[in-house]
C-alpha cells in the first residue's frame, strides 16, 4: 500500500537528501545526441485517450531534458544514492555543474514534485 502524504513527509524530513535513492516513474527514450526525453501519457486510461484525443494526434506528452538533467536521469539506476550521483556528475562535467549539491537538489525536488521520480525509501 502506498504511503500517505504525512508518512512520506516524515521520511523525507528525517532522511538526509543525499542518502535518498531516486527511481524513475516515467518512461523515457534517449535521442541520438544522448539526451533523454521523458514520455508521459496524456491519459492514464487508454479508453479516455481514444475519446478525447483526435485521430493522428500524439497520445503522449514529451519533455526533453538538457545535458545535465539527462546525465542525472541516466545515473539514476535505483541503486545509487544522490551523493553518488552528484559525484558522477562532477566527474563528468567538472566545474561547469558547480555548485552541484544546490543545483541537483533543486532539480531532483522538482522532478519529485512533478511525479517523474520517487525515492526507494518511500516505496
PDB file of N, CA and C in Angstrom:
ATOM      1  N   UNK A   1       0.842  -1.177   0.000  1.00  0.00           N
ATOM      2  CA  UNK A   1       0.000   0.000   0.000  1.00  0.00           C
ATOM      3  C   UNK A   1       0.888   1.240   0.000  1.00  0.00           C
ATOM      4  N   UNK A   2       0.636   2.200  -0.888  1.00  0.00           N
ATOM      5  CA  UNK A   2       1.467   3.395  -0.934  1.00  0.00           C
ATOM      6  C   UNK A   2       1.361   4.213   0.353  1.00  0.00           C
ATOM      7  N   UNK A   3       2.458   4.906   0.640  1.00  0.00           N
ATOM      8  CA  UNK A   3       2.478   5.758   1.833  1.00  0.00           C
ATOM      9  C   UNK A   3       1.599   6.978   1.616  1.00  0.00           C
ATOM     10  N   UNK A   4       0.979   7.442   2.674  1.00  0.00           N
ATOM     11  CA  UNK A   4       0.194   8.660   2.562  1.00  0.00           C
ATOM     12  C   UNK A   4       1.127   9.871   2.657  1.00  0.00           C
ATOM     13  N   UNK A   5       0.553  11.025   2.463  1.00  0.00           N
ATOM     14  CA  UNK A   5       1.329  12.262   2.421  1.00  0.00           C
ATOM     15  C   UNK A   5       2.160  12.470   3.683  1.00  0.00           C
ATOM     16  N   UNK A   6       1.559  12.273   4.850  1.00  0.00           N
ATOM     17  CA  UNK A   6       2.254  12.557   6.105  1.00  0.00           C
ATOM     18  C   UNK A   6       3.379  11.564   6.367  1.00  0.00           C
ATOM     19  N   UNK A   7       3.198  10.317   5.979  1.00  0.00           N
ATOM     20  CA  UNK A   7       4.258   9.313   6.149  1.00  0.00           C
ATOM     21  C   UNK A   7       5.436   9.627   5.241  1.00  0.00           C
ATOM     22  N   UNK A   8       5.151  10.008   3.982  1.00  0.00           N
ATOM     23  CA  UNK A   8       6.231  10.383   3.050  1.00  0.00           C
ATOM     24  C   UNK A   8       6.969  11.609   3.564  1.00  0.00           C
ATOM     25  N   UNK A   9       6.210  12.575   4.045  1.00  0.00           N
ATOM     26  CA  UNK A   9       6.814  13.816   4.554  1.00  0.00           C
ATOM     27  C   UNK A   9       7.734  13.522   5.738  1.00  0.00           C
ATOM     28  N   UNK A  10       7.300  12.635   6.620  1.00  0.00           N
ATOM     29  CA  UNK A  10       8.105  12.265   7.787  1.00  0.00           C
ATOM     30  C   UNK A  10       9.412  11.602   7.348  1.00  0.00           C
ATOM     31  N   UNK A  11       9.344  10.695   6.365  1.00  0.00           N
ATOM     32  CA  UNK A  11      10.551  10.039   5.858  1.00  0.00           C
ATOM     33  C   UNK A  11      11.481  11.064   5.220  1.00  0.00           C
ATOM     34  N   UNK A  12      10.938  11.957   4.403  1.00  0.00           N
ATOM     35  CA  UNK A  12      11.768  12.957   3.729  1.00  0.00           C
ATOM     36  C   UNK A  12      12.426  13.919   4.714  1.00  0.00           C
ATOM     37  N   UNK A  13      11.717  14.294   5.782  1.00  0.00           N
ATOM     38  CA  UNK A  13      12.287  15.224   6.755  1.00  0.00           C
ATOM     39  C   UNK A  13      13.324  14.557   7.646  1.00  0.00           C
ATOM     40  N   UNK A  14      13.183  13.257   7.898  1.00  0.00           N
ATOM     41  CA  UNK A  14      14.108  12.578   8.803  1.00  0.00           C
ATOM     42  C   UNK A  14      15.323  12.007   8.092  1.00  0.00           C
ATOM     43  N   UNK A  15      15.356  12.053   6.765  1.00  0.00           N
ATOM     44  CA  UNK A  15      16.449  11.473   5.991  1.00  0.00           C
ATOM     45  C   UNK A  15      17.272  12.574   5.346  1.00  0.00           C
ATOM     46  N   UNK A  16      18.570  12.379   5.319  1.00  0.00           N
ATOM     47  CA  UNK A  16      19.455  13.282   4.594  1.00  0.00           C
ATOM     48  C   UNK A  16      19.169  13.116   3.105  1.00  0.00           C
ATOM     49  N   UNK A  17      18.988  14.215   2.392  1.00  0.00           N
ATOM     50  CA  UNK A  17      18.634  14.173   0.968  1.00  0.00           C
ATOM     51  C   UNK A  17      19.650  13.379   0.172  1.00  0.00           C
ATOM     52  N   UNK A  18      20.921  13.481   0.531  1.00  0.00           N
ATOM     53  CA  UNK A  18      21.959  12.801  -0.238  1.00  0.00           C
ATOM     54  C   UNK A  18      21.948  11.290  -0.033  1.00  0.00           C
ATOM     55  N   UNK A  19      21.230  10.796   0.960  1.00  0.00           N
ATOM     56  CA  UNK A  19      21.126   9.363   1.189  1.00  0.00           C
ATOM     57  C   UNK A  19      19.959   8.730   0.444  1.00  0.00           C
ATOM     58  N   UNK A  20      19.086   9.546  -0.130  1.00  0.00           N
ATOM     59  CA  UNK A  20      17.924   9.027  -0.848  1.00  0.00           C
ATOM     60  C   UNK A  20      18.336   8.390  -2.174  1.00  0.00           C
ATOM     61  N   UNK A  21      17.630   7.340  -2.555  1.00  0.00           N
ATOM     62  CA  UNK A  21      17.898   6.626  -3.804  1.00  0.00           C
ATOM     63  C   UNK A  21      16.745   6.908  -4.771  1.00  0.00           C
ATOM     64  N   UNK A  22      16.992   7.697  -5.830  1.00  0.00           N
ATOM     65  CA  UNK A  22      15.914   8.028  -6.763  1.00  0.00           C
ATOM     66  C   UNK A  22      15.610   6.872  -7.721  1.00  0.00           C
ATOM     67  N   UNK A  23      14.337   6.749  -8.085  1.00  0.00           N
ATOM     68  CA  UNK A  23      13.890   5.754  -9.068  1.00  0.00           C
ATOM     69  C   UNK A  23      12.966   6.435 -10.071  1.00  0.00           C
ATOM     70  N   UNK A  24      13.012   5.964 -11.313  1.00  0.00           N
ATOM     71  CA  UNK A  24      12.184   6.533 -12.380  1.00  0.00           C
ATOM     72  C   UNK A  24      10.730   6.137 -12.207  1.00  0.00           C
ATOM     73  N   UNK A  25       9.839   7.061 -12.519  1.00  0.00           N
ATOM     74  CA  UNK A  25       8.409   6.767 -12.562  1.00  0.00           C
ATOM     75  C   UNK A  25       7.846   6.912 -13.973  1.00  0.00           C
ATOM     76  N   UNK A  26       8.618   7.483 -14.878  1.00  0.00           N
ATOM     77  CA  UNK A  26       8.151   7.733 -16.241  1.00  0.00           C
ATOM     78  C   UNK A  26       8.990   6.932 -17.238  1.00  0.00           C
ATOM     79  N   UNK A  27       8.365   6.624 -18.366  1.00  0.00           N
ATOM     80  CA  UNK A  27       9.110   6.023 -19.470  1.00  0.00           C
ATOM     81  C   UNK A  27       9.969   7.110 -20.103  1.00  0.00           C
ATOM     82  N   UNK A  28      11.021   6.692 -20.776  1.00  0.00           N
ATOM     83  CA  UNK A  28      11.897   7.661 -21.431  1.00  0.00           C
ATOM     84  C   UNK A  28      12.564   7.032 -22.634  1.00  0.00           C
ATOM     85  N   UNK A  29      13.094   7.893 -23.482  1.00  0.00           N
ATOM     86  CA  UNK A  29      13.900   7.430 -24.614  1.00  0.00           C
ATOM     87  C   UNK A  29      15.133   8.317 -24.704  1.00  0.00           C
ATOM     88  N   UNK A  30      16.156   7.787 -25.319  1.00  0.00           N
ATOM     89  CA  UNK A  30      17.422   8.506 -25.453  1.00  0.00           C
ATOM     90  C   UNK A  30      17.593   8.885 -26.917  1.00  0.00           C
ATOM     91  N   UNK A  31      17.805  10.169 -27.181  1.00  0.00           N
ATOM     92  CA  UNK A  31      17.990  10.658 -28.537  1.00  0.00           C
ATOM     93  C   UNK A  31      19.380  10.313 -29.048  1.00  0.00           C
ATOM     94  N   UNK A  32      19.626  10.612 -30.314  1.00  0.00           N
ATOM     95  CA  UNK A  32      20.939  10.362 -30.912  1.00  0.00           C
ATOM     96  C   UNK A  32      22.037  11.174 -30.237  1.00  0.00           C
ATOM     97  N   UNK A  33      21.665  12.327 -29.694  1.00  0.00           N
ATOM     98  CA  UNK A  33      22.646  13.190 -29.026  1.00  0.00           C
ATOM     99  C   UNK A  33      22.947  12.732 -27.608  1.00  0.00           C
ATOM    100  N   UNK A  34      22.262  11.707 -27.131  1.00  0.00           N
ATOM    101  CA  UNK A  34      22.453  11.224 -25.771  1.00  0.00           C
ATOM    102  C   UNK A  34      21.593  11.952 -24.758  1.00  0.00           C
ATOM    103  N   UNK A  35      20.644  12.765 -25.238  1.00  0.00           N
ATOM    104  CA  UNK A  35      19.741  13.487 -24.345  1.00  0.00           C
ATOM    105  C   UNK A  35      18.489  12.663 -24.101  1.00  0.00           C
ATOM    106  N   UNK A  36      17.958  12.769 -22.916  1.00  0.00           N
ATOM    107  CA  UNK A  36      16.788  11.990 -22.506  1.00  0.00           C
ATOM    108  C   UNK A  36      15.514  12.781 -22.793  1.00  0.00           C
ATOM    109  N   UNK A  37      14.506  12.079 -23.288  1.00  0.00           N
ATOM    110  CA  UNK A  37      13.180  12.640 -23.479  1.00  0.00           C
ATOM    111  C   UNK A  37      12.200  11.794 -22.663  1.00  0.00           C
ATOM    112  N   UNK A  38      11.509  12.429 -21.726  1.00  0.00           N
ATOM    113  CA  UNK A  38      10.508  11.734 -20.936  1.00  0.00           C
ATOM    114  C   UNK A  38       9.239  11.594 -21.768  1.00  0.00           C
ATOM    115  N   UNK A  39       8.596  10.443 -21.692  1.00  0.00           N
ATOM    116  CA  UNK A  39       7.374  10.167 -22.440  1.00  0.00           C
ATOM    117  C   UNK A  39       6.267   9.927 -21.419  1.00  0.00           C
ATOM    118  N   UNK A  40       5.321  10.868 -21.356  1.00  0.00           N
ATOM    119  CA  UNK A  40       4.267  10.836 -20.351  1.00  0.00           C
ATOM    120  C   UNK A  40       2.920  10.731 -21.060  1.00  0.00           C
ATOM    121  N   UNK A  41       2.126   9.697 -20.748  1.00  0.00           N
ATOM    122  CA  UNK A  41       0.815   9.587 -21.392  1.00  0.00           C
ATOM    123  C   UNK A  41      -0.112  10.730 -20.962  1.00  0.00           C
ATOM    124  N   UNK A  42      -0.891  11.229 -21.911  1.00  0.00           N
ATOM    125  CA  UNK A  42      -1.845  12.305 -21.598  1.00  0.00           C
ATOM    126  C   UNK A  42      -2.961  11.807 -20.691  1.00  0.00           C
ATOM    127  N   UNK A  43      -3.356  10.556 -20.859  1.00  0.00           N
ATOM    128  CA  UNK A  43      -4.401   9.942 -20.043  1.00  0.00           C
ATOM    129  C   UNK A  43      -3.869   8.620 -19.498  1.00  0.00           C
ATOM    130  N   UNK A  44      -4.162   8.334 -18.250  1.00  0.00           N
ATOM    131  CA  UNK A  44      -3.745   7.050 -17.688  1.00  0.00           C
ATOM    132  C   UNK A  44      -4.650   5.924 -18.182  1.00  0.00           C
ATOM    133  N   UNK A  45      -5.859   6.247 -18.555  1.00  0.00           N
ATOM    134  CA  UNK A  45      -6.802   5.265 -19.075  1.00  0.00           C
ATOM    135  C   UNK A  45      -6.865   5.426 -20.595  1.00  0.00           C
ATOM    136  N   UNK A  46      -6.488   4.385 -21.327  1.00  0.00           N
ATOM    137  CA  UNK A  46      -6.436   4.473 -22.780  1.00  0.00           C
ATOM    138  C   UNK A  46      -7.819   4.620 -23.418  1.00  0.00           C
ATOM    139  N   UNK A  47      -8.872   4.201 -22.729  1.00  0.00           N
ATOM    140  CA  UNK A  47     -10.219   4.386 -23.273  1.00  0.00           C
ATOM    141  C   UNK A  47     -10.541   5.873 -23.409  1.00  0.00           C
ATOM    142  N   UNK A  48     -10.144   6.664 -22.403  1.00  0.00           N
ATOM    143  CA  UNK A  48     -10.372   8.106 -22.489  1.00  0.00           C
ATOM    144  C   UNK A  48      -9.523   8.735 -23.580  1.00  0.00           C
ATOM    145  N   UNK A  49      -8.343   8.214 -23.778  1.00  0.00           N
ATOM    146  CA  UNK A  49      -7.466   8.757 -24.812  1.00  0.00           C
ATOM    147  C   UNK A  49      -8.113   8.613 -26.180  1.00  0.00           C
ATOM    148  N   UNK A  50      -8.762   7.480 -26.427  1.00  0.00           N
ATOM    149  CA  UNK A  50      -9.423   7.285 -27.728  1.00  0.00           C
ATOM    150  C   UNK A  50     -10.574   8.266 -27.930  1.00  0.00           C
ATOM    151  N   UNK A  51     -11.262   8.626 -26.863  1.00  0.00           N
ATOM    152  CA  UNK A  51     -12.412   9.515 -26.982  1.00  0.00           C
ATOM    153  C   UNK A  51     -12.032  10.985 -27.042  1.00  0.00           C
ATOM    154  N   UNK A  52     -10.993  11.390 -26.315  1.00  0.00           N
ATOM    155  CA  UNK A  52     -10.701  12.809 -26.171  1.00  0.00           C
ATOM    156  C   UNK A  52      -9.545  13.316 -27.037  1.00  0.00           C
ATOM    157  N   UNK A  53      -8.728  12.423 -27.559  1.00  0.00           N
ATOM    158  CA  UNK A  53      -7.605  12.860 -28.393  1.00  0.00           C
ATOM    159  C   UNK A  53      -7.959  12.582 -29.848  1.00  0.00           C
ATOM    160  N   UNK A  54      -7.949  13.606 -30.699  1.00  0.00           N
ATOM    161  CA  UNK A  54      -8.288  13.402 -32.112  1.00  0.00           C
ATOM    162  C   UNK A  54      -7.329  12.412 -32.783  1.00  0.00           C
ATOM    163  N   UNK A  55      -7.821  11.813 -33.859  1.00  0.00           N
ATOM    164  CA  UNK A  55      -7.013  10.853 -34.611  1.00  0.00           C
ATOM    165  C   UNK A  55      -5.725  11.520 -35.111  1.00  0.00           C
ATOM    166  N   UNK A  56      -4.692  10.756 -35.152  1.00  0.00           N
ATOM    167  CA  UNK A  56      -3.363  11.175 -35.617  1.00  0.00           C
ATOM    168  C   UNK A  56      -2.698  12.242 -34.755  1.00  0.00           C
ATOM    169  N   UNK A  57      -3.228  12.472 -33.577  1.00  0.00           N
ATOM    170  CA  UNK A  57      -2.578  13.376 -32.620  1.00  0.00           C
ATOM    171  C   UNK A  57      -1.811  12.515 -31.623  1.00  0.00           C
ATOM    172  N   UNK A  58      -0.704  13.011 -31.126  1.00  0.00           N
ATOM    173  CA  UNK A  58       0.071  12.201 -30.178  1.00  0.00           C
ATOM    174  C   UNK A  58      -0.701  11.962 -28.877  1.00  0.00           C
ATOM    175  N   UNK A  59      -0.576  10.747 -28.344  1.00  0.00           N
ATOM    176  CA  UNK A  59      -1.246  10.405 -27.097  1.00  0.00           C
ATOM    177  C   UNK A  59      -0.326  10.603 -25.902  1.00  0.00           C
ATOM    178  N   UNK A  60       0.899  11.052 -26.171  1.00  0.00           N
ATOM    179  CA  UNK A  60       1.878  11.264 -25.108  1.00  0.00           C
ATOM    180  C   UNK A  60       2.382  12.696 -25.113  1.00  0.00           C
ATOM    181  N   UNK A  61       2.815  13.129 -23.946  1.00  0.00           N
ATOM    182  CA  UNK A  61       3.500  14.406 -23.792  1.00  0.00           C
ATOM    183  C   UNK A  61       4.983  14.079 -23.677  1.00  0.00           C
ATOM    184  N   UNK A  62       5.819  14.841 -24.353  1.00  0.00           N
ATOM    185  CA  UNK A  62       7.258  14.603 -24.262  1.00  0.00           C
ATOM    186  C   UNK A  62       7.933  15.803 -23.605  1.00  0.00           C
ATOM    187  N   UNK A  63       8.886  15.505 -22.750  1.00  0.00           N
ATOM    188  CA  UNK A  63       9.676  16.536 -22.084  1.00  0.00           C
ATOM    189  C   UNK A  63      11.141  16.240 -22.352  1.00  0.00           C
ATOM    190  N   UNK A  64      11.825  17.164 -23.020  1.00  0.00           N
ATOM    191  CA  UNK A  64      13.236  16.969 -23.342  1.00  0.00           C
ATOM    192  C   UNK A  64      14.093  17.540 -22.214  1.00  0.00           C
ATOM    193  N   UNK A  65      14.995  16.720 -21.708  1.00  0.00           N
ATOM    194  CA  UNK A  65      15.907  17.154 -20.657  1.00  0.00           C
ATOM    195  C   UNK A  65      17.200  17.664 -21.292  1.00  0.00           C
ATOM    196  N   UNK A  66      17.810  18.657 -20.657  1.00  0.00           N
ATOM    197  CA  UNK A  66      19.076  19.179 -21.158  1.00  0.00           C
ATOM    198  C   UNK A  66      20.205  18.257 -20.705  1.00  0.00           C
ATOM    199  N   UNK A  67      21.464  18.603 -21.015  1.00  0.00           N
ATOM    200  CA  UNK A  67      22.575  17.663 -20.807  1.00  0.00           C
ATOM    201  C   UNK A  67      22.781  17.294 -19.343  1.00  0.00           C
ATOM    202  N   UNK A  68      22.638  18.235 -18.425  1.00  0.00           N
ATOM    203  CA  UNK A  68      22.823  17.914 -17.006  1.00  0.00           C
ATOM    204  C   UNK A  68      21.686  17.042 -16.487  1.00  0.00           C
ATOM    205  N   UNK A  69      20.467  17.388 -16.872  1.00  0.00           N
ATOM    206  CA  UNK A  69      19.318  16.605 -16.462  1.00  0.00           C
ATOM    207  C   UNK A  69      19.349  15.204 -17.054  1.00  0.00           C
ATOM    208  N   UNK A  70      19.784  15.101 -18.305  1.00  0.00           N
ATOM    209  CA  UNK A  70      19.894  13.794 -18.942  1.00  0.00           C
ATOM    210  C   UNK A  70      20.936  12.926 -18.246  1.00  0.00           C
ATOM    211  N   UNK A  71      22.063  13.518 -17.917  1.00  0.00           N
ATOM    212  CA  UNK A  71      23.112  12.767 -17.222  1.00  0.00           C
ATOM    213  C   UNK A  71      22.633  12.307 -15.854  1.00  0.00           C
ATOM    214  N   UNK A  72      21.912  13.166 -15.143  1.00  0.00           N
ATOM    215  CA  UNK A  72      21.380  12.786 -13.833  1.00  0.00           C
ATOM    216  C   UNK A  72      20.333  11.686 -13.992  1.00  0.00           C
ATOM    217  N   UNK A  73      19.463  11.795 -14.992  1.00  0.00           N
ATOM    218  CA  UNK A  73      18.425  10.794 -15.215  1.00  0.00           C
ATOM    219  C   UNK A  73      19.047   9.426 -15.518  1.00  0.00           C
ATOM    220  N   UNK A  74      20.069   9.418 -16.371  1.00  0.00           N
ATOM    221  CA  UNK A  74      20.706   8.156 -16.727  1.00  0.00           C
ATOM    222  C   UNK A  74      21.502   7.565 -15.571  1.00  0.00           C
ATOM    223  N   UNK A  75      21.958   8.408 -14.653  1.00  0.00           N
ATOM    224  CA  UNK A  75      22.702   7.920 -13.487  1.00  0.00           C
ATOM    225  C   UNK A  75      21.776   7.283 -12.458  1.00  0.00           C
ATOM    226  N   UNK A  76      20.490   7.596 -12.526  1.00  0.00           N
ATOM    227  CA  UNK A  76      19.521   7.008 -11.589  1.00  0.00           C
ATOM    228  C   UNK A  76      19.222   5.589 -12.029  1.00  0.00           C
ATOM    229  N   UNK A  77      19.738   4.629 -11.286  1.00  0.00           N
ATOM    230  CA  UNK A  77      19.522   3.230 -11.627  1.00  0.00           C
ATOM    231  C   UNK A  77      18.778   2.475 -10.539  1.00  0.00           C
ATOM    232  N   UNK A  78      18.328   3.178  -9.508  1.00  0.00           N
ATOM    233  CA  UNK A  78      17.618   2.530  -8.418  1.00  0.00           C
ATOM    234  C   UNK A  78      18.538   1.941  -7.368  1.00  0.00           C
ATOM    235  N   UNK A  79      19.853   2.091  -7.567  1.00  0.00           N
ATOM    236  CA  UNK A  79      20.840   1.577  -6.614  1.00  0.00           C
ATOM    237  C   UNK A  79      21.728   2.683  -6.057  1.00  0.00           C
ATOM    238  N   UNK A  80      21.987   3.704  -6.870  1.00  0.00           N
ATOM    239  CA  UNK A  80      22.860   4.806  -6.442  1.00  0.00           C
ATOM    240  C   UNK A  80      22.062   5.816  -5.632  1.00  0.00           C
ATOM    241  N   UNK A  81      22.680   6.319  -4.568  1.00  0.00           N
ATOM    242  CA  UNK A  81      22.028   7.383  -3.813  1.00  0.00           C
ATOM    243  C   UNK A  81      22.406   8.732  -4.435  1.00  0.00           C
ATOM    244  N   UNK A  82      21.815   9.788  -3.933  1.00  0.00           N
ATOM    245  CA  UNK A  82      22.033  11.112  -4.514  1.00  0.00           C
ATOM    246  C   UNK A  82      23.498  11.537  -4.421  1.00  0.00           C
ATOM    247  N   UNK A  83      24.163  11.211  -3.340  1.00  0.00           N
ATOM    248  CA  UNK A  83      25.571  11.584  -3.170  1.00  0.00           C
ATOM    249  C   UNK A  83      26.425  10.953  -4.270  1.00  0.00           C
ATOM    250  N   UNK A  84      26.187   9.684  -4.582  1.00  0.00           N
ATOM    251  CA  UNK A  84      26.934   9.017  -5.649  1.00  0.00           C
ATOM    252  C   UNK A  84      26.636   9.641  -7.014  1.00  0.00           C
ATOM    253  N   UNK A  85      25.379  10.001  -7.233  1.00  0.00           N
ATOM    254  CA  UNK A  85      25.001  10.651  -8.496  1.00  0.00           C
ATOM    255  C   UNK A  85      25.683  12.012  -8.608  1.00  0.00           C
ATOM    256  N   UNK A  86      25.708  12.780  -7.512  1.00  0.00           N
ATOM    257  CA  UNK A  86      26.397  14.067  -7.520  1.00  0.00           C
ATOM    258  C   UNK A  86      27.856  13.888  -7.904  1.00  0.00           C
ATOM    259  N   UNK A  87      28.520  12.889  -7.329  1.00  0.00           N
ATOM    260  CA  UNK A  87      29.935  12.640  -7.632  1.00  0.00           C
ATOM    261  C   UNK A  87      30.137  12.255  -9.095  1.00  0.00           C
ATOM    262  N   UNK A  88      29.219  11.445  -9.647  1.00  0.00           N
ATOM    263  CA  UNK A  88      29.313  11.091 -11.067  1.00  0.00           C
ATOM    264  C   UNK A  88      29.191  12.327 -11.956  1.00  0.00           C
ATOM    265  N   UNK A  89      28.283  13.217 -11.601  1.00  0.00           N
ATOM    266  CA  UNK A  89      28.089  14.429 -12.404  1.00  0.00           C
ATOM    267  C   UNK A  89      29.299  15.347 -12.325  1.00  0.00           C
ATOM    268  N   UNK A  90      29.905  15.447 -11.145  1.00  0.00           N
ATOM    269  CA  UNK A  90      31.106  16.273 -11.007  1.00  0.00           C
ATOM    270  C   UNK A  90      32.244  15.674 -11.824  1.00  0.00           C
ATOM    271  N   UNK A  91      32.369  14.343 -11.821  1.00  0.00           N
ATOM    272  CA  UNK A  91      33.400  13.688 -12.625  1.00  0.00           C
ATOM    273  C   UNK A  91      33.170  13.918 -14.115  1.00  0.00           C
ATOM    274  N   UNK A  92      31.908  13.928 -14.521  1.00  0.00           N
ATOM    275  CA  UNK A  92      31.580  14.078 -15.932  1.00  0.00           C
ATOM    276  C   UNK A  92      31.686  15.521 -16.422  1.00  0.00           C
ATOM    277  N   UNK A  93      31.213  16.497 -15.613  1.00  0.00           N
ATOM    278  CA  UNK A  93      31.134  17.875 -16.074  1.00  0.00           C
ATOM    279  C   UNK A  93      32.120  18.824 -15.408  1.00  0.00           C
ATOM    280  N   UNK A  94      32.751  18.414 -14.334  1.00  0.00           N
ATOM    281  CA  UNK A  94      33.736  19.247 -13.654  1.00  0.00           C
ATOM    282  C   UNK A  94      33.113  20.490 -13.038  1.00  0.00           C
ATOM    283  N   UNK A  95      33.775  21.622 -13.219  1.00  0.00           N
ATOM    284  CA  UNK A  95      33.332  22.878 -12.612  1.00  0.00           C
ATOM    285  C   UNK A  95      32.098  23.483 -13.281  1.00  0.00           C
ATOM    286  N   UNK A  96      31.723  22.973 -14.460  1.00  0.00           N
ATOM    287  CA  UNK A  96      30.552  23.517 -15.153  1.00  0.00           C
ATOM    288  C   UNK A  96      29.256  23.301 -14.372  1.00  0.00           C
ATOM    289  N   UNK A  97      29.215  22.278 -13.554  1.00  0.00           N
ATOM    290  CA  UNK A  97      27.979  21.940 -12.837  1.00  0.00           C
ATOM    291  C   UNK A  97      27.973  22.436 -11.402  1.00  0.00           C
ATOM    292  N   UNK A  98      29.010  23.098 -10.978  1.00  0.00           N
ATOM    293  CA  UNK A  98      29.092  23.577  -9.584  1.00  0.00           C
ATOM    294  C   UNK A  98      28.147  24.753  -9.378  1.00  0.00           C
ATOM    295  N   UNK A  99      27.527  24.910  -8.263  1.00  0.00           N
ATOM    296  CA  UNK A  99      27.502  24.054  -7.080  1.00  0.00           C
ATOM    297  C   UNK A  99      26.527  22.890  -7.276  1.00  0.00           C
ATOM    298  N   UNK A 100      27.054  21.691  -7.416  1.00  0.00           N
ATOM    299  CA  UNK A 100      26.265  20.514  -7.777  1.00  0.00           C
ATOM    300  C   UNK A 100      25.212  20.186  -6.723  1.00  0.00           C
ATOM    301  N   UNK A 101      25.530  20.334  -5.453  1.00  0.00           N
ATOM    302  CA  UNK A 101      24.558  19.979  -4.406  1.00  0.00           C
ATOM    303  C   UNK A 101      23.297  20.825  -4.504  1.00  0.00           C
ATOM    304  N   UNK A 102      23.466  22.128  -4.638  1.00  0.00           N
ATOM    305  CA  UNK A 102      22.304  23.011  -4.719  1.00  0.00           C
ATOM    306  C   UNK A 102      21.507  22.791  -6.005  1.00  0.00           C
ATOM    307  N   UNK A 103      22.214  22.746  -7.128  1.00  0.00           N
ATOM    308  CA  UNK A 103      21.550  22.631  -8.418  1.00  0.00           C
ATOM    309  C   UNK A 103      20.770  21.329  -8.540  1.00  0.00           C
ATOM    310  N   UNK A 104      21.440  20.230  -8.209  1.00  0.00           N
ATOM    311  CA  UNK A 104      20.791  18.942  -8.400  1.00  0.00           C
ATOM    312  C   UNK A 104      19.742  18.661  -7.323  1.00  0.00           C
ATOM    313  N   UNK A 105      19.918  19.212  -6.140  1.00  0.00           N
ATOM    314  CA  UNK A 105      18.886  19.056  -5.106  1.00  0.00           C
ATOM    315  C   UNK A 105      17.595  19.730  -5.548  1.00  0.00           C
ATOM    316  N   UNK A 106      17.704  20.935  -6.087  1.00  0.00           N
ATOM    317  CA  UNK A 106      16.514  21.635  -6.586  1.00  0.00           C
ATOM    318  C   UNK A 106      15.910  20.893  -7.773  1.00  0.00           C
ATOM    319  N   UNK A 107      16.769  20.391  -8.654  1.00  0.00           N
ATOM    320  CA  UNK A 107      16.308  19.676  -9.839  1.00  0.00           C
ATOM    321  C   UNK A 107      15.569  18.388  -9.448  1.00  0.00           C
ATOM    322  N   UNK A 108      16.148  17.631  -8.528  1.00  0.00           N
ATOM    323  CA  UNK A 108      15.526  16.382  -8.102  1.00  0.00           C
ATOM    324  C   UNK A 108      14.225  16.652  -7.334  1.00  0.00           C
ATOM    325  N   UNK A 109      14.186  17.722  -6.559  1.00  0.00           N
ATOM    326  CA  UNK A 109      12.955  18.097  -5.870  1.00  0.00           C
ATOM    327  C   UNK A 109      11.862  18.435  -6.872  1.00  0.00           C
ATOM    328  N   UNK A 110      12.230  19.126  -7.936  1.00  0.00           N
ATOM    329  CA  UNK A 110      11.283  19.460  -8.997  1.00  0.00           C
ATOM    330  C   UNK A 110      10.750  18.189  -9.664  1.00  0.00           C
ATOM    331  N   UNK A 111      11.640  17.267 -10.000  1.00  0.00           N
ATOM    332  CA  UNK A 111      11.213  16.010 -10.613  1.00  0.00           C
ATOM    333  C   UNK A 111      10.318  15.210  -9.669  1.00  0.00           C
ATOM    334  N   UNK A 112      10.639  15.230  -8.385  1.00  0.00           N
ATOM    335  CA  UNK A 112       9.822  14.515  -7.397  1.00  0.00           C
ATOM    336  C   UNK A 112       8.440  15.165  -7.261  1.00  0.00           C
ATOM    337  N   UNK A 113       8.394  16.471  -7.173  1.00  0.00           N
ATOM    338  CA  UNK A 113       7.111  17.179  -7.019  1.00  0.00           C
ATOM    339  C   UNK A 113       6.213  17.003  -8.236  1.00  0.00           C
ATOM    340  N   UNK A 114       6.822  16.860  -9.420  1.00  0.00           N
ATOM    341  CA  UNK A 114       6.028  16.657 -10.634  1.00  0.00           C
ATOM    342  C   UNK A 114       5.771  15.181 -10.922  1.00  0.00           C
ATOM    343  N   UNK A 115       6.180  14.313  -9.985  1.00  0.00           N
ATOM    344  CA  UNK A 115       5.924  12.872 -10.033  1.00  0.00           C
ATOM    345  C   UNK A 115       6.585  12.180 -11.212  1.00  0.00           C
ATOM    346  N   UNK A 116       7.799  12.637 -11.560  1.00  0.00           N
ATOM    347  CA  UNK A 116       8.589  11.956 -12.574  1.00  0.00           C
ATOM    348  C   UNK A 116       9.544  10.958 -11.930  1.00  0.00           C
ATOM    349  N   UNK A 117       9.921  11.213 -10.678  1.00  0.00           N
ATOM    350  CA  UNK A 117      10.766  10.287  -9.909  1.00  0.00           C
ATOM    351  C   UNK A 117      10.172  10.122  -8.513  1.00  0.00           C
ATOM    352  N   UNK A 118      10.612   9.072  -7.866  1.00  0.00           N
ATOM    353  CA  UNK A 118      10.303   8.869  -6.457  1.00  0.00           C
ATOM    354  C   UNK A 118      11.590   8.407  -5.803  1.00  0.00           C
ATOM    355  N   UNK A 119      11.530   8.062  -4.554  1.00  0.00           N
ATOM    356  CA  UNK A 119      12.712   7.589  -3.854  1.00  0.00           C
ATOM    357  C   UNK A 119      12.428   6.209  -3.284  1.00  0.00           C
ATOM    358  N   UNK A 120      13.427   5.331  -3.331  1.00  0.00           N
ATOM    359  CA  UNK A 120      13.259   3.947  -2.895  1.00  0.00           C
ATOM    360  C   UNK A 120      12.804   3.875  -1.431  1.00  0.00           C
ATOM    361  N   UNK A 121      13.194   4.823  -0.620  1.00  0.00           N
ATOM    362  CA  UNK A 121      12.836   4.814   0.795  1.00  0.00           C
ATOM    363  C   UNK A 121      11.348   5.062   1.003  1.00  0.00           C
ATOM    364  N   UNK A 122      10.652   5.583  -0.006  1.00  0.00           N
ATOM    365  CA  UNK A 122       9.238   5.908   0.120  1.00  0.00           C
ATOM    366  C   UNK A 122       8.332   4.790  -0.406  1.00  0.00           C
ATOM    367  N   UNK A 123       8.919   3.726  -0.908  1.00  0.00           N
ATOM    368  CA  UNK A 123       8.122   2.632  -1.505  1.00  0.00           C
ATOM    369  C   UNK A 123       7.440   1.799  -0.462  1.00  0.00           C
TER     370      UNK A 123
END
